PDB file of N, CA and C in Angstrom:
ATOM      1  N   UNK A   1     -25.557  14.622  17.543  1.00  0.00           N
ATOM      2  CA  UNK A   1     -25.106  13.216  17.788  1.00  0.00           C
ATOM      3  C   UNK A   1     -25.484  12.443  19.118  1.00  0.00           C
ATOM      4  N   UNK A   2     -26.187  11.382  18.728  1.00  0.00           N
ATOM      5  CA  UNK A   2     -26.491  10.605  20.294  1.00  0.00           C
ATOM      6  C   UNK A   2     -25.377   9.859  20.626  1.00  0.00           C
ATOM      7  N   UNK A   3     -25.610   9.291  21.841  1.00  0.00           N
ATOM      8  CA  UNK A   3     -24.474   8.708  22.439  1.00  0.00           C
ATOM      9  C   UNK A   3     -24.101   7.233  21.279  1.00  0.00           C
ATOM     10  N   UNK A   4     -25.115   7.096  20.888  1.00  0.00           N
ATOM     11  CA  UNK A   4     -25.136   5.920  20.458  1.00  0.00           C
ATOM     12  C   UNK A   4     -24.525   5.672  19.085  1.00  0.00           C
ATOM     13  N   UNK A   5     -24.572   6.820  18.621  1.00  0.00           N
ATOM     14  CA  UNK A   5     -23.452   7.243  17.111  1.00  0.00           C
ATOM     15  C   UNK A   5     -22.018   7.180  17.651  1.00  0.00           C
ATOM     16  N   UNK A   6     -22.330   7.758  18.781  1.00  0.00           N
ATOM     17  CA  UNK A   6     -20.504   8.320  19.192  1.00  0.00           C
ATOM     18  C   UNK A   6     -19.864   6.711  19.732  1.00  0.00           C
ATOM     19  N   UNK A   7     -19.967   6.183  20.737  1.00  0.00           N
ATOM     20  CA  UNK A   7     -20.003   4.746  20.598  1.00  0.00           C
ATOM     21  C   UNK A   7     -20.201   4.134  19.774  1.00  0.00           C
ATOM     22  N   UNK A   8     -20.421   3.882  18.545  1.00  0.00           N
ATOM     23  CA  UNK A   8     -20.481   3.391  17.102  1.00  0.00           C
ATOM     24  C   UNK A   8     -18.755   3.905  16.412  1.00  0.00           C
ATOM     25  N   UNK A   9     -18.780   5.363  16.684  1.00  0.00           N
ATOM     26  CA  UNK A   9     -17.196   5.807  16.370  1.00  0.00           C
ATOM     27  C   UNK A   9     -16.188   5.705  17.170  1.00  0.00           C
ATOM     28  N   UNK A  10     -16.557   5.752  18.165  1.00  0.00           N
ATOM     29  CA  UNK A  10     -15.463   5.176  18.913  1.00  0.00           C
ATOM     30  C   UNK A  10     -14.592   3.521  18.827  1.00  0.00           C
ATOM     31  N   UNK A  11     -15.663   2.819  19.004  1.00  0.00           N
ATOM     32  CA  UNK A  11     -15.349   1.035  18.436  1.00  0.00           C
ATOM     33  C   UNK A  11     -14.787   1.015  17.110  1.00  0.00           C
ATOM     34  N   UNK A  12     -14.938   2.096  16.203  1.00  0.00           N
ATOM     35  CA  UNK A  12     -14.396   1.340  14.501  1.00  0.00           C
ATOM     36  C   UNK A  12     -13.367   2.222  15.161  1.00  0.00           C
ATOM     37  N   UNK A  13     -13.181   3.366  15.618  1.00  0.00           N
ATOM     38  CA  UNK A  13     -11.513   4.103  15.129  1.00  0.00           C
ATOM     39  C   UNK A  13     -10.583   3.317  16.473  1.00  0.00           C
ATOM     40  N   UNK A  14     -10.738   2.443  17.844  1.00  0.00           N
ATOM     41  CA  UNK A  14     -10.405   1.470  18.420  1.00  0.00           C
ATOM     42  C   UNK A  14      -9.909   0.196  17.459  1.00  0.00           C
ATOM     43  N   UNK A  15     -11.018  -0.263  16.564  1.00  0.00           N
ATOM     44  CA  UNK A  15     -10.685  -1.730  15.812  1.00  0.00           C
ATOM     45  C   UNK A  15      -9.552  -0.690  14.913  1.00  0.00           C
ATOM     46  N   UNK A  16      -9.853   0.117  14.456  1.00  0.00           N
ATOM     47  CA  UNK A  16      -8.567   0.144  12.863  1.00  0.00           C
ATOM     48  C   UNK A  16      -7.318   0.526  13.730  1.00  0.00           C
ATOM     49  N   UNK A  17      -7.233   1.318  15.106  1.00  0.00           N
ATOM     50  CA  UNK A  17      -6.377   1.031  16.085  1.00  0.00           C
ATOM     51  C   UNK A  17      -5.402   0.129  15.980  1.00  0.00           C
ATOM     52  N   UNK A  18      -6.282  -1.071  16.938  1.00  0.00           N
ATOM     53  CA  UNK A  18      -5.867  -2.285  17.056  1.00  0.00           C
ATOM     54  C   UNK A  18      -4.951  -2.914  15.293  1.00  0.00           C
ATOM     55  N   UNK A  19      -6.055  -2.742  14.716  1.00  0.00           N
ATOM     56  CA  UNK A  19      -5.263  -3.173  13.096  1.00  0.00           C
ATOM     57  C   UNK A  19      -3.938  -2.468  13.128  1.00  0.00           C
ATOM     58  N   UNK A  20      -4.243  -1.239  13.119  1.00  0.00           N
ATOM     59  CA  UNK A  20      -2.735  -0.450  12.913  1.00  0.00           C
ATOM     60  C   UNK A  20      -1.411  -1.406  14.065  1.00  0.00           C
ATOM     61  N   UNK A  21      -2.059  -1.725  14.812  1.00  0.00           N
ATOM     62  CA  UNK A  21      -1.006  -2.571  15.703  1.00  0.00           C
ATOM     63  C   UNK A  21      -0.706  -3.676  15.332  1.00  0.00           C
ATOM     64  N   UNK A  22      -1.409  -4.284  14.691  1.00  0.00           N
ATOM     65  CA  UNK A  22      -1.280  -6.096  14.475  1.00  0.00           C
ATOM     66  C   UNK A  22      -0.255  -5.211  13.122  1.00  0.00           C
ATOM     67  N   UNK A  23      -0.862  -4.494  12.086  1.00  0.00           N
ATOM     68  CA  UNK A  23      -0.072  -4.729  11.013  1.00  0.00           C
ATOM     69  C   UNK A  23       1.599  -4.073  11.071  1.00  0.00           C
ATOM     70  N   UNK A  24       1.534  -3.098  12.152  1.00  0.00           N
ATOM     71  CA  UNK A  24       2.973  -2.104  13.091  1.00  0.00           C
ATOM     72  C   UNK A  24       4.092  -3.858  13.615  1.00  0.00           C
ATOM     73  N   UNK A  25       2.973  -4.857  13.892  1.00  0.00           N
ATOM     74  CA  UNK A  25       3.516  -5.865  14.615  1.00  0.00           C
ATOM     75  C   UNK A  25       4.113  -6.850  13.366  1.00  0.00           C
ATOM     76  N   UNK A  26       3.480  -7.039  12.528  1.00  0.00           N
ATOM     77  CA  UNK A  26       3.669  -7.573  11.091  1.00  0.00           C
ATOM     78  C   UNK A  26       5.052  -7.009  10.328  1.00  0.00           C
ATOM     79  N   UNK A  27       4.830  -5.730  10.752  1.00  0.00           N
ATOM     80  CA  UNK A  27       6.376  -4.992   9.641  1.00  0.00           C
ATOM     81  C   UNK A  27       6.942  -5.084  10.420  1.00  0.00           C
ATOM     82  N   UNK A  28       7.542  -4.994  11.965  1.00  0.00           N
ATOM     83  CA  UNK A  28       8.734  -5.849  12.794  1.00  0.00           C
ATOM     84  C   UNK A  28       9.157  -6.956  12.487  1.00  0.00           C
ATOM     85  N   UNK A  29       7.923  -8.280  12.364  1.00  0.00           N
ATOM     86  CA  UNK A  29       8.414  -9.446  12.234  1.00  0.00           C
ATOM     87  C   UNK A  29       8.486  -9.597  10.493  1.00  0.00           C
ATOM     88  N   UNK A  30       8.665  -9.100   9.433  1.00  0.00           N
ATOM     89  CA  UNK A  30       9.071  -9.252   8.650  1.00  0.00           C
ATOM     90  C   UNK A  30      10.143  -8.620   8.334  1.00  0.00           C
ATOM     91  N   UNK A  31      10.346  -7.303   8.954  1.00  0.00           N
ATOM     92  CA  UNK A  31      11.816  -7.513   8.791  1.00  0.00           C
ATOM     93  C   UNK A  31      13.181  -8.099   9.339  1.00  0.00           C
ATOM     94  N   UNK A  32      12.581  -8.724  10.586  1.00  0.00           N
ATOM     95  CA  UNK A  32      12.986  -9.875  11.106  1.00  0.00           C
ATOM     96  C   UNK A  32      13.522 -11.341  10.041  1.00  0.00           C
ATOM     97  N   UNK A  33      12.287 -11.226   9.403  1.00  0.00           N
ATOM     98  CA  UNK A  33      12.516 -12.475   8.244  1.00  0.00           C
ATOM     99  C   UNK A  33      13.720 -12.475   7.554  1.00  0.00           C
ATOM    100  N   UNK A  34      14.292 -13.653   7.263  1.00  0.00           N
ATOM    101  CA  UNK A  34      15.410 -14.011   6.606  1.00  0.00           C
ATOM    102  C   UNK A  34      14.335 -14.536   4.831  1.00  0.00           C
ATOM    103  N   UNK A  35      14.421 -13.763   3.907  1.00  0.00           N
ATOM    104  CA  UNK A  35      13.968 -13.793   2.945  1.00  0.00           C
ATOM    105  C   UNK A  35      15.536 -14.342   1.556  1.00  0.00           C
ATOM    106  N   UNK A  36      15.634 -15.071   1.352  1.00  0.00           N
ATOM    107  CA  UNK A  36      15.941 -15.783   0.137  1.00  0.00           C
ATOM    108  C   UNK A  36      16.789 -14.814  -0.724  1.00  0.00           C
ATOM    109  N   UNK A  37      17.673 -14.212  -0.055  1.00  0.00           N
ATOM    110  CA  UNK A  37      17.920 -12.751  -0.904  1.00  0.00           C
ATOM    111  C   UNK A  37      18.599 -12.813  -2.296  1.00  0.00           C
ATOM    112  N   UNK A  38      19.983 -14.141  -2.009  1.00  0.00           N
ATOM    113  CA  UNK A  38      20.919 -14.459  -3.124  1.00  0.00           C
ATOM    114  C   UNK A  38      19.611 -14.740  -4.289  1.00  0.00           C
ATOM    115  N   UNK A  39      18.728 -15.253  -4.490  1.00  0.00           N
ATOM    116  CA  UNK A  39      17.957 -15.580  -4.968  1.00  0.00           C
ATOM    117  C   UNK A  39      16.740 -14.197  -5.660  1.00  0.00           C
ATOM    118  N   UNK A  40      16.160 -13.816  -5.004  1.00  0.00           N
ATOM    119  CA  UNK A  40      15.633 -12.249  -5.239  1.00  0.00           C
ATOM    120  C   UNK A  40      15.055 -11.629  -3.936  1.00  0.00           C
ATOM    121  N   UNK A  41      15.115 -10.590  -4.159  1.00  0.00           N
ATOM    122  CA  UNK A  41      14.472  -9.310  -3.343  1.00  0.00           C
ATOM    123  C   UNK A  41      13.093  -9.105  -2.994  1.00  0.00           C
ATOM    124  N   UNK A  42      12.567  -9.696  -4.472  1.00  0.00           N
ATOM    125  CA  UNK A  42      11.280  -9.266  -4.695  1.00  0.00           C
ATOM    126  C   UNK A  42      10.093 -10.252  -3.343  1.00  0.00           C
ATOM    127  N   UNK A  43      10.546 -10.733  -3.238  1.00  0.00           N
ATOM    128  CA  UNK A  43       9.346 -11.218  -1.783  1.00  0.00           C
ATOM    129  C   UNK A  43       9.457 -10.252  -0.839  1.00  0.00           C
ATOM    130  N   UNK A  44      10.746 -10.233   0.121  1.00  0.00           N
ATOM    131  CA  UNK A  44      10.610  -9.272   1.061  1.00  0.00           C
ATOM    132  C   UNK A  44      10.191  -7.875   0.494  1.00  0.00           C
ATOM    133  N   UNK A  45      10.227  -7.199  -0.827  1.00  0.00           N
ATOM    134  CA  UNK A  45       9.575  -6.574  -1.136  1.00  0.00           C
ATOM    135  C   UNK A  45       8.033  -6.161  -1.393  1.00  0.00           C
ATOM    136  N   UNK A  46       7.815  -7.695  -1.285  1.00  0.00           N
ATOM    137  CA  UNK A  46       6.319  -7.602  -1.969  1.00  0.00           C
ATOM    138  C   UNK A  46       5.339  -7.564  -0.477  1.00  0.00           C
ATOM    139  N   UNK A  47       6.491  -8.156   0.338  1.00  0.00           N
ATOM    140  CA  UNK A  47       5.352  -8.478   1.484  1.00  0.00           C
ATOM    141  C   UNK A  47       5.550  -7.078   1.929  1.00  0.00           C
ATOM    142  N   UNK A  48       7.183  -6.333   2.401  1.00  0.00           N
ATOM    143  CA  UNK A  48       6.449  -4.823   2.812  1.00  0.00           C
ATOM    144  C   UNK A  48       5.569  -4.108   2.009  1.00  0.00           C
ATOM    145  N   UNK A  49       5.739  -4.076   0.877  1.00  0.00           N
ATOM    146  CA  UNK A  49       4.579  -3.103   0.194  1.00  0.00           C
ATOM    147  C   UNK A  49       2.754  -3.691   0.668  1.00  0.00           C
ATOM    148  N   UNK A  50       2.763  -4.600   0.660  1.00  0.00           N
ATOM    149  CA  UNK A  50       1.698  -5.791   0.753  1.00  0.00           C
ATOM    150  C   UNK A  50       1.103  -5.267   2.312  1.00  0.00           C
ATOM    151  N   UNK A  51       1.830  -5.249   3.404  1.00  0.00           N
ATOM    152  CA  UNK A  51       1.547  -4.455   4.961  1.00  0.00           C
ATOM    153  C   UNK A  51       1.789  -3.165   4.451  1.00  0.00           C
ATOM    154  N   UNK A  52       2.058  -1.966   4.200  1.00  0.00           N
ATOM    155  CA  UNK A  52       2.240  -0.909   3.949  1.00  0.00           C
ATOM    156  C   UNK A  52       0.420  -0.575   3.105  1.00  0.00           C
ATOM    157  N   UNK A  53       0.912  -0.872   2.087  1.00  0.00           N
ATOM    158  CA  UNK A  53      -0.849  -0.832   1.309  1.00  0.00           C
ATOM    159  C   UNK A  53      -1.964  -1.093   2.047  1.00  0.00           C
ATOM    160  N   UNK A  54      -1.967  -2.447   2.869  1.00  0.00           N
ATOM    161  CA  UNK A  54      -3.280  -2.285   3.880  1.00  0.00           C
ATOM    162  C   UNK A  54      -3.073  -1.084   4.626  1.00  0.00           C
ATOM    163  N   UNK A  55      -2.316  -0.746   6.202  1.00  0.00           N
ATOM    164  CA  UNK A  55      -1.984   0.149   6.249  1.00  0.00           C
ATOM    165  C   UNK A  55      -2.852   1.122   5.957  1.00  0.00           C
ATOM    166  N   UNK A  56      -1.754   1.672   4.823  1.00  0.00           N
ATOM    167  CA  UNK A  56      -2.563   3.258   4.271  1.00  0.00           C
ATOM    168  C   UNK A  56      -3.846   2.851   4.140  1.00  0.00           C
ATOM    169  N   UNK A  57      -4.314   1.775   3.729  1.00  0.00           N
ATOM    170  CA  UNK A  57      -6.011   1.947   3.044  1.00  0.00           C
ATOM    171  C   UNK A  57      -6.766   2.436   4.527  1.00  0.00           C
ATOM    172  N   UNK A  58      -6.574   1.228   5.960  1.00  0.00           N
ATOM    173  CA  UNK A  58      -7.110   2.159   6.779  1.00  0.00           C
ATOM    174  C   UNK A  58      -7.081   3.019   6.961  1.00  0.00           C
ATOM    175  N   UNK A  59      -5.639   3.498   6.882  1.00  0.00           N
ATOM    176  CA  UNK A  59      -5.697   5.134   7.640  1.00  0.00           C
ATOM    177  C   UNK A  59      -6.537   6.102   6.524  1.00  0.00           C
ATOM    178  N   UNK A  60      -6.416   5.754   5.770  1.00  0.00           N
ATOM    179  CA  UNK A  60      -7.072   6.537   3.874  1.00  0.00           C
ATOM    180  C   UNK A  60      -8.564   6.392   4.136  1.00  0.00           C
ATOM    181  N   UNK A  61      -9.148   5.107   4.561  1.00  0.00           N
ATOM    182  CA  UNK A  61     -10.816   4.674   4.113  1.00  0.00           C
ATOM    183  C   UNK A  61     -10.965   5.132   5.705  1.00  0.00           C
ATOM    184  N   UNK A  62     -10.619   5.034   6.424  1.00  0.00           N
ATOM    185  CA  UNK A  62     -11.224   5.757   8.096  1.00  0.00           C
ATOM    186  C   UNK A  62     -10.928   7.387   8.719  1.00  0.00           C
ATOM    187  N   UNK A  63      -9.560   7.799   9.109  1.00  0.00           N
ATOM    188  CA  UNK A  63      -9.109   8.799   9.150  1.00  0.00           C
ATOM    189  C   UNK A  63      -9.365   9.637   8.478  1.00  0.00           C
ATOM    190  N   UNK A  64      -9.248   9.504   7.186  1.00  0.00           N
ATOM    191  CA  UNK A  64      -9.539  10.494   6.407  1.00  0.00           C
ATOM    192  C   UNK A  64     -10.984  10.729   5.766  1.00  0.00           C
ATOM    193  N   UNK A  65     -11.855   9.639   6.392  1.00  0.00           N
ATOM    194  CA  UNK A  65     -13.081   9.862   5.822  1.00  0.00           C
ATOM    195  C   UNK A  65     -13.428   9.401   4.158  1.00  0.00           C
ATOM    196  N   UNK A  66     -12.647   8.445   3.656  1.00  0.00           N
ATOM    197  CA  UNK A  66     -13.054   8.361   1.984  1.00  0.00           C
ATOM    198  C   UNK A  66     -13.752   7.124   2.139  1.00  0.00           C
ATOM    199  N   UNK A  67     -13.389   6.251   3.072  1.00  0.00           N
ATOM    200  CA  UNK A  67     -14.802   5.311   3.117  1.00  0.00           C
ATOM    201  C   UNK A  67     -16.808   5.170   2.662  1.00  0.00           C
ATOM    202  N   UNK A  68     -16.970   6.503   2.943  1.00  0.00           N
ATOM    203  CA  UNK A  68     -17.822   7.513   2.515  1.00  0.00           C
ATOM    204  C   UNK A  68     -17.922   7.857   1.442  1.00  0.00           C
ATOM    205  N   UNK A  69     -16.809   9.049   0.736  1.00  0.00           N
ATOM    206  CA  UNK A  69     -17.169   9.151  -0.353  1.00  0.00           C
ATOM    207  C   UNK A  69     -17.777   8.591  -1.668  1.00  0.00           C
ATOM    208  N   UNK A  70     -17.995   9.620  -2.748  1.00  0.00           N
ATOM    209  CA  UNK A  70     -18.454   8.917  -4.171  1.00  0.00           C
ATOM    210  C   UNK A  70     -17.812   8.725  -4.957  1.00  0.00           C
ATOM    211  N   UNK A  71     -18.592   7.917  -5.355  1.00  0.00           N
ATOM    212  CA  UNK A  71     -17.303   6.793  -6.688  1.00  0.00           C
ATOM    213  C   UNK A  71     -16.613   8.105  -7.256  1.00  0.00           C
ATOM    214  N   UNK A  72     -17.030   9.229  -7.811  1.00  0.00           N
ATOM    215  CA  UNK A  72     -15.958  10.039  -8.382  1.00  0.00           C
ATOM    216  C   UNK A  72     -14.097   9.976  -7.423  1.00  0.00           C
ATOM    217  N   UNK A  73     -14.273  10.248  -6.314  1.00  0.00           N
ATOM    218  CA  UNK A  73     -12.498  10.073  -5.568  1.00  0.00           C
ATOM    219  C   UNK A  73     -12.076   9.082  -5.786  1.00  0.00           C
ATOM    220  N   UNK A  74     -12.636   7.953  -6.151  1.00  0.00           N
ATOM    221  CA  UNK A  74     -12.323   5.996  -6.018  1.00  0.00           C
ATOM    222  C   UNK A  74     -11.150   6.547  -8.006  1.00  0.00           C
ATOM    223  N   UNK A  75     -11.953   6.878  -8.444  1.00  0.00           N
ATOM    224  CA  UNK A  75     -12.193   7.225 -10.153  1.00  0.00           C
ATOM    225  C   UNK A  75     -10.675   7.813  -9.963  1.00  0.00           C
ATOM    226  N   UNK A  76     -10.575   9.157  -9.084  1.00  0.00           N
ATOM    227  CA  UNK A  76      -9.664   9.794  -9.226  1.00  0.00           C
ATOM    228  C   UNK A  76      -8.173   9.115  -8.702  1.00  0.00           C
ATOM    229  N   UNK A  77      -8.324   8.504  -7.358  1.00  0.00           N
ATOM    230  CA  UNK A  77      -7.686   7.841  -6.611  1.00  0.00           C
ATOM    231  C   UNK A  77      -6.875   6.809  -8.173  1.00  0.00           C
ATOM    232  N   UNK A  78      -7.510   5.399  -8.602  1.00  0.00           N
ATOM    233  CA  UNK A  78      -7.172   4.993  -8.945  1.00  0.00           C
ATOM    234  C   UNK A  78      -6.604   5.699 -10.843  1.00  0.00           C
ATOM    235  N   UNK A  79      -7.017   6.811 -11.025  1.00  0.00           N
ATOM    236  CA  UNK A  79      -5.911   7.510 -12.046  1.00  0.00           C
ATOM    237  C   UNK A  79      -4.730   7.703 -11.630  1.00  0.00           C
ATOM    238  N   UNK A  80      -4.826   8.276 -10.183  1.00  0.00           N
ATOM    239  CA  UNK A  80      -3.450   8.470  -9.667  1.00  0.00           C
ATOM    240  C   UNK A  80      -2.751   7.610  -9.459  1.00  0.00           C
ATOM    241  N   UNK A  81      -3.329   6.371  -9.282  1.00  0.00           N
ATOM    242  CA  UNK A  81      -2.128   4.722  -9.081  1.00  0.00           C
ATOM    243  C   UNK A  81      -1.757   4.567 -10.199  1.00  0.00           C
ATOM    244  N   UNK A  82      -2.827   4.851 -11.462  1.00  0.00           N
ATOM    245  CA  UNK A  82      -1.980   4.259 -12.936  1.00  0.00           C
ATOM    246  C   UNK A  82      -1.148   5.487 -13.149  1.00  0.00           C
ATOM    247  N   UNK A  83      -1.148   6.265 -13.302  1.00  0.00           N
ATOM    248  CA  UNK A  83      -0.105   7.205 -13.773  1.00  0.00           C
ATOM    249  C   UNK A  83       1.633   7.273 -12.537  1.00  0.00           C
ATOM    250  N   UNK A  84       1.079   7.126 -11.296  1.00  0.00           N
ATOM    251  CA  UNK A  84       1.991   7.017 -10.349  1.00  0.00           C
ATOM    252  C   UNK A  84       2.749   5.536 -11.602  1.00  0.00           C
ATOM    253  N   UNK A  85       2.205   4.651 -11.082  1.00  0.00           N
ATOM    254  CA  UNK A  85       2.858   3.337 -11.646  1.00  0.00           C
ATOM    255  C   UNK A  85       3.390   3.184 -13.150  1.00  0.00           C
ATOM    256  N   UNK A  86       2.673   4.101 -13.998  1.00  0.00           N
ATOM    257  CA  UNK A  86       3.639   4.114 -14.937  1.00  0.00           C
ATOM    258  C   UNK A  86       4.717   4.958 -15.042  1.00  0.00           C
ATOM    259  N   UNK A  87       4.495   6.351 -14.295  1.00  0.00           N
ATOM    260  CA  UNK A  87       6.109   6.929 -14.257  1.00  0.00           C
ATOM    261  C   UNK A  87       7.096   6.048 -13.319  1.00  0.00           C
ATOM    262  N   UNK A  88       6.425   4.924 -12.560  1.00  0.00           N
ATOM    263  CA  UNK A  88       7.715   4.576 -12.164  1.00  0.00           C
ATOM    264  C   UNK A  88       8.600   3.488 -12.733  1.00  0.00           C
ATOM    265  N   UNK A  89       7.508   2.909 -14.280  1.00  0.00           N
ATOM    266  CA  UNK A  89       7.767   1.905 -14.729  1.00  0.00           C
ATOM    267  C   UNK A  89       8.840   2.274 -15.781  1.00  0.00           C
ATOM    268  N   UNK A  90       8.415   3.566 -16.739  1.00  0.00           N
ATOM    269  CA  UNK A  90       8.855   4.007 -17.460  1.00  0.00           C
ATOM    270  C   UNK A  90      10.697   4.405 -17.415  1.00  0.00           C
ATOM    271  N   UNK A  91      11.398   4.968 -16.532  1.00  0.00           N
ATOM    272  CA  UNK A  91      12.955   4.060 -16.213  1.00  0.00           C
ATOM    273  C   UNK A  91      13.056   2.834 -16.983  1.00  0.00           C
ATOM    274  N   UNK A  92      12.144   1.967 -15.924  1.00  0.00           N
ATOM    275  CA  UNK A  92      12.475   0.419 -16.291  1.00  0.00           C
ATOM    276  C   UNK A  92      12.533  -0.091 -17.754  1.00  0.00           C
ATOM    277  N   UNK A  93      11.438   0.320 -18.468  1.00  0.00           N
ATOM    278  CA  UNK A  93      10.924   0.064 -19.678  1.00  0.00           C
ATOM    279  C   UNK A  93      12.090   0.958 -20.429  1.00  0.00           C
ATOM    280  N   UNK A  94      12.712   1.445 -20.364  1.00  0.00           N
ATOM    281  CA  UNK A  94      14.018   2.773 -20.909  1.00  0.00           C
ATOM    282  C   UNK A  94      15.461   1.378 -20.845  1.00  0.00           C
ATOM    283  N   UNK A  95      15.266   1.029 -19.955  1.00  0.00           N
ATOM    284  CA  UNK A  95      16.482   0.402 -19.221  1.00  0.00           C
ATOM    285  C   UNK A  95      16.479  -0.523 -20.288  1.00  0.00           C
ATOM    286  N   UNK A  96      15.130  -1.819 -20.199  1.00  0.00           N
ATOM    287  CA  UNK A  96      15.460  -2.614 -20.756  1.00  0.00           C
ATOM    288  C   UNK A  96      15.169  -2.899 -22.230  1.00  0.00           C
ATOM    289  N   UNK A  97      15.031  -1.174 -22.355  1.00  0.00           N
ATOM    290  CA  UNK A  97      15.510  -1.341 -24.304  1.00  0.00           C
ATOM    291  C   UNK A  97      16.548  -0.967 -24.224  1.00  0.00           C
ATOM    292  N   UNK A  98      17.483   0.034 -23.652  1.00  0.00           N
ATOM    293  CA  UNK A  98      18.826  -0.258 -23.884  1.00  0.00           C
ATOM    294  C   UNK A  98      19.393  -1.287 -23.569  1.00  0.00           C
ATOM    295  N   UNK A  99      18.898  -2.123 -22.559  1.00  0.00           N
ATOM    296  CA  UNK A  99      19.829  -3.249 -22.860  1.00  0.00           C
ATOM    297  C   UNK A  99      19.965  -4.327 -23.751  1.00  0.00           C
ATOM    298  N   UNK A 100      18.418  -3.653 -24.876  1.00  0.00           N
ATOM    299  CA  UNK A 100      17.814  -4.619 -25.928  1.00  0.00           C
ATOM    300  C   UNK A 100      19.350  -4.187 -26.962  1.00  0.00           C
ATOM    301  N   UNK A 101      19.248  -3.170 -26.910  1.00  0.00           N
ATOM    302  CA  UNK A 101      20.199  -3.140 -27.973  1.00  0.00           C
ATOM    303  C   UNK A 101      21.341  -2.614 -27.889  1.00  0.00           C
ATOM    304  N   UNK A 102      22.198  -2.742 -26.200  1.00  0.00           N
ATOM    305  CA  UNK A 102      23.696  -3.187 -26.713  1.00  0.00           C
ATOM    306  C   UNK A 102      23.717  -4.464 -26.741  1.00  0.00           C
ATOM    307  N   UNK A 103      22.545  -5.541 -26.674  1.00  0.00           N
ATOM    308  CA  UNK A 103      23.410  -6.917 -26.398  1.00  0.00           C
ATOM    309  C   UNK A 103      23.079  -7.093 -28.159  1.00  0.00           C
ATOM    310  N   UNK A 104      22.244  -6.463 -28.984  1.00  0.00           N
ATOM    311  CA  UNK A 104      22.225  -6.469 -30.800  1.00  0.00           C
ATOM    312  C   UNK A 104      23.728  -6.433 -31.031  1.00  0.00           C
ATOM    313  N   UNK A 105      24.425  -5.435 -30.679  1.00  0.00           N
ATOM    314  CA  UNK A 105      25.780  -4.485 -30.929  1.00  0.00           C
ATOM    315  C   UNK A 105      26.424  -5.546 -31.095  1.00  0.00           C
TER     316      UNK A 105
END
């Protein structure tokens, strides 16, 4: 590996480190923000998950070297996220179904 390649990798890791620091600062700032909890907590959850997803992407793509993988890795990741969302929403759908059955009685 040449010096030019090494300096490119160091600069890349430094930039990712700075982005993660900014993401951590945004997380701390968001924790002090007053989201209107009386109406809905969905805004706070959305902001928290958005920051976490961006930071997770940066870690996975750069430190786990997934940004240079083949397309099959992305399909497997997409399939995993799909099934995760499906498994997370099954209890919600079941609860909604039970609520509709209780209303009919």
